[in-house]
Amino acid sequence: MSEVKMKRGEPVDKALRRLKKKLDKEGTLKELRNRRYYEKPSETKRRMAKRAASRARHRN
């Protein structure tokens, strides 16, 4: 569980921004969105292969 301690006198929106950055860095929200619906293993492999091919294309 991610946690952000607020500093004395710190605005809530600033602490929220820090929390969002931390969650983004950990990949928590991305994983949550991916787990929202079940994805068959074959679909996962297909998606990963597509991403790898895209990365290889951009590298050259």
N, C-alpha and C. Protein backbone atom coordinates (compact mmCIF):
# COMPACT_ATOMS: atom_id res chain seq x y z
N MET A 1 0.84 -1.17 0.00
CA MET A 1 0.00 0.00 0.00
C MET A 1 0.90 1.24 0.00
N SER A 2 0.64 2.13 -0.93
CA SER A 2 1.42 3.36 -1.03
C SER A 2 0.94 4.37 0.00
N GLU A 3 1.88 5.13 0.50
CA GLU A 3 1.55 6.06 1.56
C GLU A 3 2.37 7.34 1.37
N VAL A 4 1.73 8.48 1.59
CA VAL A 4 2.40 9.76 1.53
C VAL A 4 2.08 10.50 2.82
N LYS A 5 3.12 10.89 3.54
CA LYS A 5 2.90 11.63 4.79
C LYS A 5 2.85 13.12 4.46
N MET A 6 1.82 13.77 4.99
CA MET A 6 1.68 15.21 4.77
C MET A 6 2.60 15.96 5.73
N LYS A 7 3.20 17.00 5.19
CA LYS A 7 4.05 17.85 6.01
C LYS A 7 3.17 18.91 6.68
N ARG A 8 3.64 19.45 7.77
CA ARG A 8 2.87 20.45 8.51
C ARG A 8 2.63 21.67 7.61
N GLY A 9 1.36 22.04 7.49
CA GLY A 9 0.98 23.22 6.70
C GLY A 9 0.97 22.99 5.19
N GLU A 10 1.14 21.74 4.76
CA GLU A 10 1.15 21.43 3.32
C GLU A 10 -0.28 21.34 2.80
N PRO A 11 -0.57 21.96 1.65
CA PRO A 11 -1.91 21.85 1.07
C PRO A 11 -2.22 20.41 0.65
N VAL A 12 -3.47 20.04 0.74
CA VAL A 12 -3.89 18.67 0.41
C VAL A 12 -3.63 18.37 -1.06
N ASP A 13 -3.88 19.33 -1.95
CA ASP A 13 -3.69 19.06 -3.37
C ASP A 13 -2.23 18.78 -3.71
N LYS A 14 -1.30 19.38 -2.98
CA LYS A 14 0.12 19.11 -3.21
C LYS A 14 0.47 17.68 -2.78
N ALA A 15 -0.09 17.25 -1.65
CA ALA A 15 0.14 15.89 -1.18
C ALA A 15 -0.51 14.87 -2.13
N LEU A 16 -1.67 15.21 -2.66
CA LEU A 16 -2.33 14.33 -3.64
C LEU A 16 -1.48 14.19 -4.89
N ARG A 17 -0.89 15.29 -5.33
CA ARG A 17 -0.03 15.27 -6.51
C ARG A 17 1.16 14.35 -6.27
N ARG A 18 1.75 14.41 -5.07
CA ARG A 18 2.86 13.52 -4.73
C ARG A 18 2.42 12.06 -4.73
N LEU A 19 1.22 11.81 -4.19
CA LEU A 19 0.70 10.44 -4.16
C LEU A 19 0.49 9.91 -5.58
N LYS A 20 -0.09 10.74 -6.45
CA LYS A 20 -0.32 10.31 -7.83
C LYS A 20 0.99 10.00 -8.55
N LYS A 21 2.01 10.83 -8.32
CA LYS A 21 3.31 10.58 -8.94
C LYS A 21 3.89 9.26 -8.44
N LYS A 22 3.74 9.01 -7.15
CA LYS A 22 4.27 7.77 -6.56
C LYS A 22 3.55 6.55 -7.14
N LEU A 23 2.22 6.63 -7.26
CA LEU A 23 1.45 5.51 -7.82
C LEU A 23 1.82 5.29 -9.28
N ASP A 24 2.04 6.36 -10.01
CA ASP A 24 2.41 6.25 -11.41
C ASP A 24 3.79 5.60 -11.55
N LYS A 25 4.71 5.98 -10.69
CA LYS A 25 6.06 5.43 -10.72
C LYS A 25 6.06 3.93 -10.40
N GLU A 26 5.20 3.54 -9.45
CA GLU A 26 5.11 2.12 -9.07
C GLU A 26 4.32 1.30 -10.09
N GLY A 27 3.52 1.96 -10.92
CA GLY A 27 2.71 1.24 -11.90
C GLY A 27 1.44 0.67 -11.31
N THR A 28 1.03 1.15 -10.15
CA THR A 28 -0.15 0.61 -9.47
C THR A 28 -1.43 0.85 -10.26
N LEU A 29 -1.62 2.07 -10.74
CA LEU A 29 -2.85 2.39 -11.47
C LEU A 29 -2.92 1.64 -12.79
N LYS A 30 -1.79 1.51 -13.47
CA LYS A 30 -1.76 0.79 -14.74
C LYS A 30 -2.15 -0.67 -14.53
N GLU A 31 -1.62 -1.27 -13.46
CA GLU A 31 -1.94 -2.67 -13.15
C GLU A 31 -3.41 -2.82 -12.79
N LEU A 32 -3.94 -1.87 -12.06
CA LEU A 32 -5.35 -1.90 -11.68
C LEU A 32 -6.24 -1.85 -12.92
N ARG A 33 -5.90 -0.99 -13.85
CA ARG A 33 -6.69 -0.88 -15.09
C ARG A 33 -6.60 -2.16 -15.90
N ASN A 34 -5.40 -2.77 -15.92
CA ASN A 34 -5.23 -4.02 -16.68
C ASN A 34 -6.02 -5.17 -16.05
N ARG A 35 -6.18 -5.15 -14.74
CA ARG A 35 -6.88 -6.24 -14.05
C ARG A 35 -8.38 -6.03 -13.98
N ARG A 36 -8.86 -4.92 -14.50
CA ARG A 36 -10.29 -4.63 -14.43
C ARG A 36 -11.10 -5.70 -15.15
N TYR A 37 -10.57 -6.18 -16.28
CA TYR A 37 -11.23 -7.24 -17.04
C TYR A 37 -10.25 -8.38 -17.22
N TYR A 38 -10.77 -9.61 -17.27
CA TYR A 38 -9.91 -10.77 -17.46
C TYR A 38 -9.37 -10.77 -18.88
N GLU A 39 -8.09 -11.03 -19.00
CA GLU A 39 -7.46 -11.12 -20.31
C GLU A 39 -6.88 -12.52 -20.45
N LYS A 40 -7.27 -13.20 -21.53
CA LYS A 40 -6.77 -14.55 -21.74
C LYS A 40 -5.26 -14.53 -21.94
N PRO A 41 -4.57 -15.60 -21.56
CA PRO A 41 -3.11 -15.64 -21.73
C PRO A 41 -2.68 -15.40 -23.19
N SER A 42 -3.45 -15.92 -24.14
CA SER A 42 -3.09 -15.70 -25.55
C SER A 42 -3.19 -14.22 -25.91
N GLU A 43 -4.17 -13.51 -25.34
CA GLU A 43 -4.29 -12.07 -25.60
C GLU A 43 -3.13 -11.31 -24.98
N THR A 44 -2.70 -11.76 -23.80
CA THR A 44 -1.56 -11.12 -23.14
C THR A 44 -0.31 -11.27 -23.99
N LYS A 45 -0.06 -12.49 -24.49
CA LYS A 45 1.12 -12.73 -25.32
C LYS A 45 1.07 -11.89 -26.59
N ARG A 46 -0.11 -11.80 -27.19
CA ARG A 46 -0.28 -11.03 -28.42
C ARG A 46 0.02 -9.54 -28.16
N ARG A 47 -0.49 -9.04 -27.03
CA ARG A 47 -0.28 -7.62 -26.69
C ARG A 47 1.20 -7.34 -26.43
N MET A 48 1.86 -8.25 -25.71
CA MET A 48 3.28 -8.07 -25.41
C MET A 48 4.13 -8.14 -26.68
N ALA A 49 3.80 -9.05 -27.57
CA ALA A 49 4.55 -9.17 -28.83
C ALA A 49 4.37 -7.91 -29.67
N LYS A 50 3.18 -7.36 -29.66
CA LYS A 50 2.91 -6.14 -30.41
C LYS A 50 3.73 -4.98 -29.86
N ARG A 51 3.82 -4.89 -28.53
CA ARG A 51 4.62 -3.83 -27.90
C ARG A 51 6.10 -4.00 -28.22
N ALA A 52 6.58 -5.24 -28.19
CA ALA A 52 8.00 -5.50 -28.48
C ALA A 52 8.32 -5.13 -29.93
N ALA A 53 7.43 -5.46 -30.84
CA ALA A 53 7.64 -5.13 -32.25
C ALA A 53 7.63 -3.61 -32.43
N SER A 54 6.77 -2.93 -31.72
CA SER A 54 6.70 -1.48 -31.81
C SER A 54 7.99 -0.85 -31.29
N ARG A 55 8.51 -1.36 -30.18
CA ARG A 55 9.76 -0.84 -29.64
C ARG A 55 10.92 -1.08 -30.61
N ALA A 56 10.95 -2.27 -31.23
CA ALA A 56 12.02 -2.61 -32.16
C ALA A 56 11.95 -1.70 -33.39
N ARG A 57 10.76 -1.38 -33.83
CA ARG A 57 10.58 -0.53 -35.00
C ARG A 57 11.07 0.89 -34.71
N HIS A 58 10.78 1.38 -33.52
CA HIS A 58 11.17 2.75 -33.15
C HIS A 58 12.67 2.86 -32.89
N ARG A 59 13.30 1.77 -32.52
CA ARG A 59 14.72 1.77 -32.23
C ARG A 59 15.55 1.95 -33.49
N ASN A 60 15.08 1.38 -34.60
CA ASN A 60 15.86 1.43 -35.86
C ASN A 60 15.65 2.69 -36.57
